[in-house]
C-alpha atoms as a PDB file:
ATOM      1  CA  MET A   1       0.000   0.000   0.000  1.00  0.00           C
ATOM      2  CA  PHE A   2       1.423   3.371  -1.037  1.00  0.00           C
ATOM      3  CA  THR A   3       0.196   6.763   0.153  1.00  0.00           C
ATOM      4  CA  SER A   4       1.003  10.184  -1.274  1.00  0.00           C
ATOM      5  CA  GLN A   5       3.679  10.440   1.440  1.00  0.00           C
ATOM      6  CA  PHE A   6       5.699   7.963  -0.665  1.00  0.00           C
ATOM      7  CA  GLY A   7       6.625  10.963  -2.815  1.00  0.00           C
ATOM      8  CA  ALA A   8       7.681   8.964  -5.870  1.00  0.00           C
ATOM      9  CA  ALA A   9       6.177   6.934  -8.669  1.00  0.00           C
ATOM     10  CA  THR A  10       5.111   3.478  -7.523  1.00  0.00           C
ATOM     11  CA  PRO A  11       6.965   0.487  -8.996  1.00  0.00           C
ATOM     12  CA  HIS A  12       5.772  -1.312 -12.121  1.00  0.00           C
ATOM     13  CA  GLY A  13       6.148  -4.929 -13.154  1.00  0.00           C
ATOM     14  CA  PRO A  14       4.346  -8.243 -12.798  1.00  0.00           C
ATOM     15  CA  GLY A  15       1.231  -8.185 -10.640  1.00  0.00           C
ATOM     16  CA  THR A  16      -1.879  -6.093 -10.067  1.00  0.00           C
ATOM     17  CA  GLN A  17      -2.544  -2.617  -8.727  1.00  0.00           C
ATOM     18  CA  ALA A  18      -5.619  -0.684  -7.645  1.00  0.00           C
ATOM     19  CA  VAL A  19      -5.779   3.107  -7.352  1.00  0.00           C
ATOM     20  CA  LEU A  20      -8.205   4.370  -4.684  1.00  0.00           C
ATOM     21  CA  ASN A  21      -9.422   7.847  -3.811  1.00  0.00           C
ATOM     22  CA  SER A  22      -9.586   9.210  -0.241  1.00  0.00           C
ATOM     23  CA  ALA A  23     -13.019   7.608   0.283  1.00  0.00           C
ATOM     24  CA  GLY A  24     -11.707   4.147  -0.660  1.00  0.00           C
ATOM     25  CA  THR A  25     -13.449   4.030  -4.050  1.00  0.00           C
ATOM     26  CA  VAL A  26     -11.492   2.121  -6.685  1.00  0.00           C
ATOM     27  CA  LEU A  27     -10.586   4.557  -9.462  1.00  0.00           C
ATOM     28  CA  SER A  28      -8.780   1.971 -11.575  1.00  0.00           C
ATOM     29  CA  ALA A  29      -7.550  -1.597 -11.302  1.00  0.00           C
ATOM     30  CA  GLY A  30      -5.380  -3.704 -13.540  1.00  0.00           C
ATOM     31  CA  ARG A  31      -1.766  -4.532 -14.236  1.00  0.00           C
ATOM     32  CA  ARG A  32       0.961  -3.169 -11.938  1.00  0.00           C
ATOM     33  CA  ALA A  33       1.728  -0.143 -14.097  1.00  0.00           C
ATOM     34  CA  GLY A  34       3.236   2.136 -11.450  1.00  0.00           C
ATOM     35  CA  GLY A  35       2.557   5.869 -11.390  1.00  0.00           C
ATOM     36  CA  ARG A  36       1.779   8.601  -8.891  1.00  0.00           C
ATOM     37  CA  VAL A  37      -0.405   8.177  -5.826  1.00  0.00           C
ATOM     38  CA  PRO A  38      -3.453  10.491  -5.785  1.00  0.00           C
ATOM     39  CA  ALA A  39      -3.456  13.119  -3.019  1.00  0.00           C
ATOM     40  CA  ALA A  40      -5.082  11.616   0.090  1.00  0.00           C
ATOM     41  CA  GLY A  41      -5.579   8.345  -1.821  1.00  0.00           C
ATOM     42  CA  TRP A  42      -3.776   5.030  -2.099  1.00  0.00           C
ATOM     43  CA  VAL A  43      -2.214   2.672  -4.598  1.00  0.00           C
ATOM     44  CA  ILE A  44      -2.349  -0.950  -3.551  1.00  0.00           C
ATOM     45  CA  GLN A  45      -0.119  -3.437  -5.369  1.00  0.00           C
ATOM     46  CA  GLY A  46       0.168  -7.186  -5.119  1.00  0.00           C
ATOM     47  CA  ILE A  47       1.961 -10.049  -6.815  1.00  0.00           C
ATOM     48  CA  GLY A  48       1.177 -13.752  -6.628  1.00  0.00           C
ATOM     49  CA  ALA A  49      -1.777 -14.500  -4.324  1.00  0.00           C
ATOM     50  CA  ALA A  50      -2.063 -10.820  -3.320  1.00  0.00           C
ATOM     51  CA  GLY A  51      -2.301  -9.831  -6.998  1.00  0.00           C
ATOM     52  CA  ALA A  52      -4.997 -12.451  -7.603  1.00  0.00           C
ATOM     53  CA  TRP A  53      -6.937 -11.116  -4.592  1.00  0.00           C
ATOM     54  CA  LEU A  54      -6.780  -7.565  -6.003  1.00  0.00           C
ATOM     55  CA  ARG A  55      -7.948  -8.761  -9.453  1.00  0.00           C
ATOM     56  CA  ARG A  56     -10.969 -10.390  -7.825  1.00  0.00           C
ATOM     57  CA  TYR A  57     -12.016  -7.677  -5.343  1.00  0.00           C
ATOM     58  CA  ALA A  58     -10.742  -4.311  -6.639  1.00  0.00           C
ATOM     59  CA  ILE A  59     -13.593  -3.401  -8.995  1.00  0.00           C
ATOM     60  CA  ARG A  60     -13.679   0.100 -10.531  1.00  0.00           C
ATOM     61  CA  GLY A  61     -16.342   2.244  -8.872  1.00  0.00           C
ATOM     62  CA  ARG A  62     -16.704  -0.009  -5.825  1.00  0.00           C
ATOM     63  CA  HIS A  63     -15.532   0.695  -2.286  1.00  0.00           C
ATOM     64  CA  LEU A  64     -12.544  -1.289  -1.010  1.00  0.00           C
ATOM     65  CA  SER A  65     -11.984  -1.310   2.760  1.00  0.00           C
ATOM     66  CA  ILE A  66      -8.361  -0.819   3.764  1.00  0.00           C
ATOM     67  CA  SER A  67      -6.933  -1.834   7.121  1.00  0.00           C
ATOM     68  CA  GLU A  68      -3.359  -2.045   8.324  1.00  0.00           C
ATOM     69  CA  ARG A  69      -1.989  -4.641  10.709  1.00  0.00           C
ATOM     70  CA  LEU A  70       1.630  -5.328  11.501  1.00  0.00           C
ATOM     71  CA  ALA A  71       2.518  -8.503  13.392  1.00  0.00           C
ATOM     72  CA  ASP A  72       5.661 -10.132  14.716  1.00  0.00           C
ATOM     73  CA  THR A  73       6.698 -13.672  13.779  1.00  0.00           C
ATOM     74  CA  ALA A  74       4.472 -15.073  16.551  1.00  0.00           C
ATOM     75  CA  GLY A  75       1.432 -13.253  15.124  1.00  0.00           C
ATOM     76  CA  HIS A  76       1.199 -10.657  17.905  1.00  0.00           C
ATOM     77  CA  ALA A  77       0.069  -7.218  16.720  1.00  0.00           C
ATOM     78  CA  ILE A  78       2.637  -4.410  16.697  1.00  0.00           C
ATOM     79  CA  PRO A  79       0.973  -1.018  17.195  1.00  0.00           C
ATOM     80  CA  LEU A  80       1.460   1.356  14.252  1.00  0.00           C
ATOM     81  CA  THR A  81       2.682   4.483  16.021  1.00  0.00           C
ATOM     82  CA  GLN A  82       4.327   7.740  14.981  1.00  0.00           C
ATOM     83  CA  GLY A  83       8.063   7.197  14.542  1.00  0.00           C
ATOM     84  CA  LEU A  84       7.838   3.418  14.068  1.00  0.00           C
ATOM     85  CA  SER A  85      10.258   2.261  11.374  1.00  0.00           C
ATOM     86  CA  VAL A  86      10.141  -1.137   9.747  1.00  0.00           C
ATOM     87  CA  GLY A  87      12.881  -2.502   7.515  1.00  0.00           C
ATOM     88  CA  SER A  88      13.287  -5.767   5.710  1.00  0.00           C
ATOM     89  CA  ALA A  89      16.509  -7.382   4.672  1.00  0.00           C
ATOM     90  CA  ALA A  90      17.966 -10.729   3.795  1.00  0.00           C
ATOM     91  CA  PRO A  91      19.992 -12.778   4.173  1.00  0.00           C
ATOM     92  CA  ILE A  92      21.058 -12.641   7.814  1.00  0.00           C
ATOM     93  CA  LEU A  93      24.858 -12.456   7.982  1.00  0.00           C
ATOM     94  CA  VAL A  94      25.664 -12.380  11.711  1.00  0.00           C
ATOM     95  CA  SER A  95      23.579 -13.500  14.692  1.00  0.00           C
ATOM     96  CA  ARG A  96      24.741 -13.580  18.324  1.00  0.00           C
ATOM     97  CA  SER A  97      28.272 -12.675  17.210  1.00  0.00           C
ATOM     98  CA  ARG A  98      28.540 -15.655  14.839  1.00  0.00           C
ATOM     99  CA  VAL A  99      28.398 -15.953  11.060  1.00  0.00           C
ATOM    100  CA  ALA A 100      24.843 -17.102  10.346  1.00  0.00           C
ATOM    101  CA  ILE A 101      24.184 -16.873   6.608  1.00  0.00           C
ATOM    102  CA  ASP A 102      20.663 -18.196   6.143  1.00  0.00           C
ATOM    103  CA  ALA A 103      20.384 -18.019   2.342  1.00  0.00           C
ATOM    104  CA  ASP A 104      19.863 -21.282   0.482  1.00  0.00           C
ATOM    105  CA  ARG A 105      22.720 -20.374  -1.850  1.00  0.00           C
ATOM    106  CA  GLU A 106      25.216 -17.993  -0.344  1.00  0.00           C
ATOM    107  CA  GLY A 107      28.284 -16.920  -2.197  1.00  0.00           C
ATOM    108  CA  VAL A 108      31.833 -15.986  -1.208  1.00  0.00           C
ATOM    109  CA  THR A 109      30.655 -12.362  -1.239  1.00  0.00           C
ATOM    110  CA  LEU A 110      28.184 -12.950   1.602  1.00  0.00           C
ATOM    111  CA  ALA A 111      30.713 -14.970   3.605  1.00  0.00           C
ATOM    112  CA  GLU A 112      33.299 -12.225   3.166  1.00  0.00           C
ATOM    113  CA  GLU A 113      30.708  -9.628   4.146  1.00  0.00           C
ATOM    114  CA  ALA A 114      29.803 -11.568   7.299  1.00  0.00           C
ATOM    115  CA  ALA A 115      33.489 -11.920   8.241  1.00  0.00           C
ATOM    116  CA  LEU A 116      33.992  -8.179   7.709  1.00  0.00           C
ATOM    117  CA  MET A 117      31.015  -7.351   9.931  1.00  0.00           C
ATOM    118  CA  LEU A 118      32.401  -9.595  12.674  1.00  0.00           C
ATOM    119  CA  SER A 119      35.832  -7.976  12.377  1.00  0.00           C
ATOM    120  CA  LEU A 120      34.146  -4.591  12.870  1.00  0.00           C
ATOM    121  CA  GLY A 121      32.504  -5.809  16.080  1.00  0.00           C
ATOM    122  CA  ALA A 122      28.993  -6.554  14.791  1.00  0.00           C
ATOM    123  CA  VAL A 123      26.744  -8.616  17.014  1.00  0.00           C
ATOM    124  CA  SER A 124      23.972  -8.761  14.380  1.00  0.00           C
ATOM    125  CA  ALA A 125      24.098  -7.966  10.654  1.00  0.00           C
ATOM    126  CA  MET A 126      21.905  -8.466   7.578  1.00  0.00           C
ATOM    127  CA  ASN A 127      22.531  -7.930   3.886  1.00  0.00           C
ATOM    128  CA  LEU A 128      20.366  -5.140   2.463  1.00  0.00           C
ATOM    129  CA  ASP A 129      19.476  -4.646  -1.192  1.00  0.00           C
ATOM    130  CA  GLY A 130      22.221  -3.860  -3.685  1.00  0.00           C
ATOM    131  CA  GLY A 131      22.693  -2.607  -7.221  1.00  0.00           C
ATOM    132  CA  GLY A 132      20.389   0.188  -8.359  1.00  0.00           C
ATOM    133  CA  SER A 133      18.650   0.263  -4.983  1.00  0.00           C
ATOM    134  CA  THR A 134      21.874   1.224  -3.219  1.00  0.00           C
ATOM    135  CA  ALA A 135      22.684   4.850  -2.458  1.00  0.00           C
ATOM    136  CA  MET A 136      24.315   6.705   0.417  1.00  0.00           C
ATOM    137  CA  ALA A 137      23.371  10.126   1.723  1.00  0.00           C
ATOM    138  CA  VAL A 138      25.212  12.026   4.444  1.00  0.00           C
ATOM    139  CA  GLN A 139      23.381  14.915   6.080  1.00  0.00           C
ATOM    140  CA  GLY A 140      20.848  14.925   3.244  1.00  0.00           C
ATOM    141  CA  GLN A 141      23.392  14.952   0.399  1.00  0.00           C
ATOM    142  CA  LEU A 142      23.822  12.010  -1.989  1.00  0.00           C
ATOM    143  CA  VAL A 143      27.474  10.901  -1.754  1.00  0.00           C
ATOM    144  CA  SER A 144      27.369   7.812  -3.972  1.00  0.00           C
ATOM    145  CA  ARG A 145      26.546   7.086  -7.595  1.00  0.00           C
ATOM    146  CA  PRO A 146      23.670   4.591  -7.839  1.00  0.00           C
ATOM    147  CA  SER A 147      24.091   2.144 -10.724  1.00  0.00           C
ATOM    148  CA  ASP A 148      20.741   3.273 -12.200  1.00  0.00           C
ATOM    149  CA  GLY A 149      22.147   6.822 -12.472  1.00  0.00           C
ATOM    150  CA  ALA A 150      19.671   8.266  -9.956  1.00  0.00           C
ATOM    151  CA  GLU A 151      18.214   7.456  -6.561  1.00  0.00           C
ATOM    152  CA  ARG A 152      15.483   4.811  -6.619  1.00  0.00           C
ATOM    153  CA  ALA A 153      12.471   4.989  -4.304  1.00  0.00           C
ATOM    154  CA  ASP A 154      13.115   2.085  -1.949  1.00  0.00           C
ATOM    155  CA  GLY A 155      11.963   0.855   1.437  1.00  0.00           C
ATOM    156  CA  ASP A 156      15.313  -0.425   2.722  1.00  0.00           C
ATOM    157  CA  PHE A 157      17.323   1.840   4.967  1.00  0.00           C
ATOM    158  CA  VAL A 158      20.253   1.960   7.314  1.00  0.00           C
ATOM    159  CA  VAL A 159      20.351   4.482  10.122  1.00  0.00           C
ATOM    160  CA  VAL A 160      23.703   5.178  11.751  1.00  0.00           C
ATOM    161  CA  ARG A 161      23.535   6.726  15.195  1.00  0.00           C
ATOM    162  CA  PRO A 162      25.902   7.064  18.155  1.00  0.00           C
END
């Protein structure tokens, strides 16, 4: 689910998307074409089973109820509060101060990365996205050159703090 706070065009590719206005009325539904999010509205995208669900229930002109629920691995609800940040990453590199690569097929690169993190004193470490999704900003200024030539809207992040 994307809101206008996303501030960038939504991704395109395989799957389904529905564009909703602020009242939850489906303005359009179809292939995952990307695009801007309407002010005070939403774009909902899904692939696989989620895409099939959207194809079935997101009908132009009908109301689609939206609810948000975040849960931990045990299924317990995590309250969505101001300032809550959620990140996803894989594979795990270091856990409890030990190399713990959990990918089915890890390469020398991941093993070297895990060893580097341990040598730097990491207790836990995960591999974030790479390639065109990788950029570095320091005090709001881009200091790297993303392989796509420009920053890509992405949900992964690293926050460095004292």
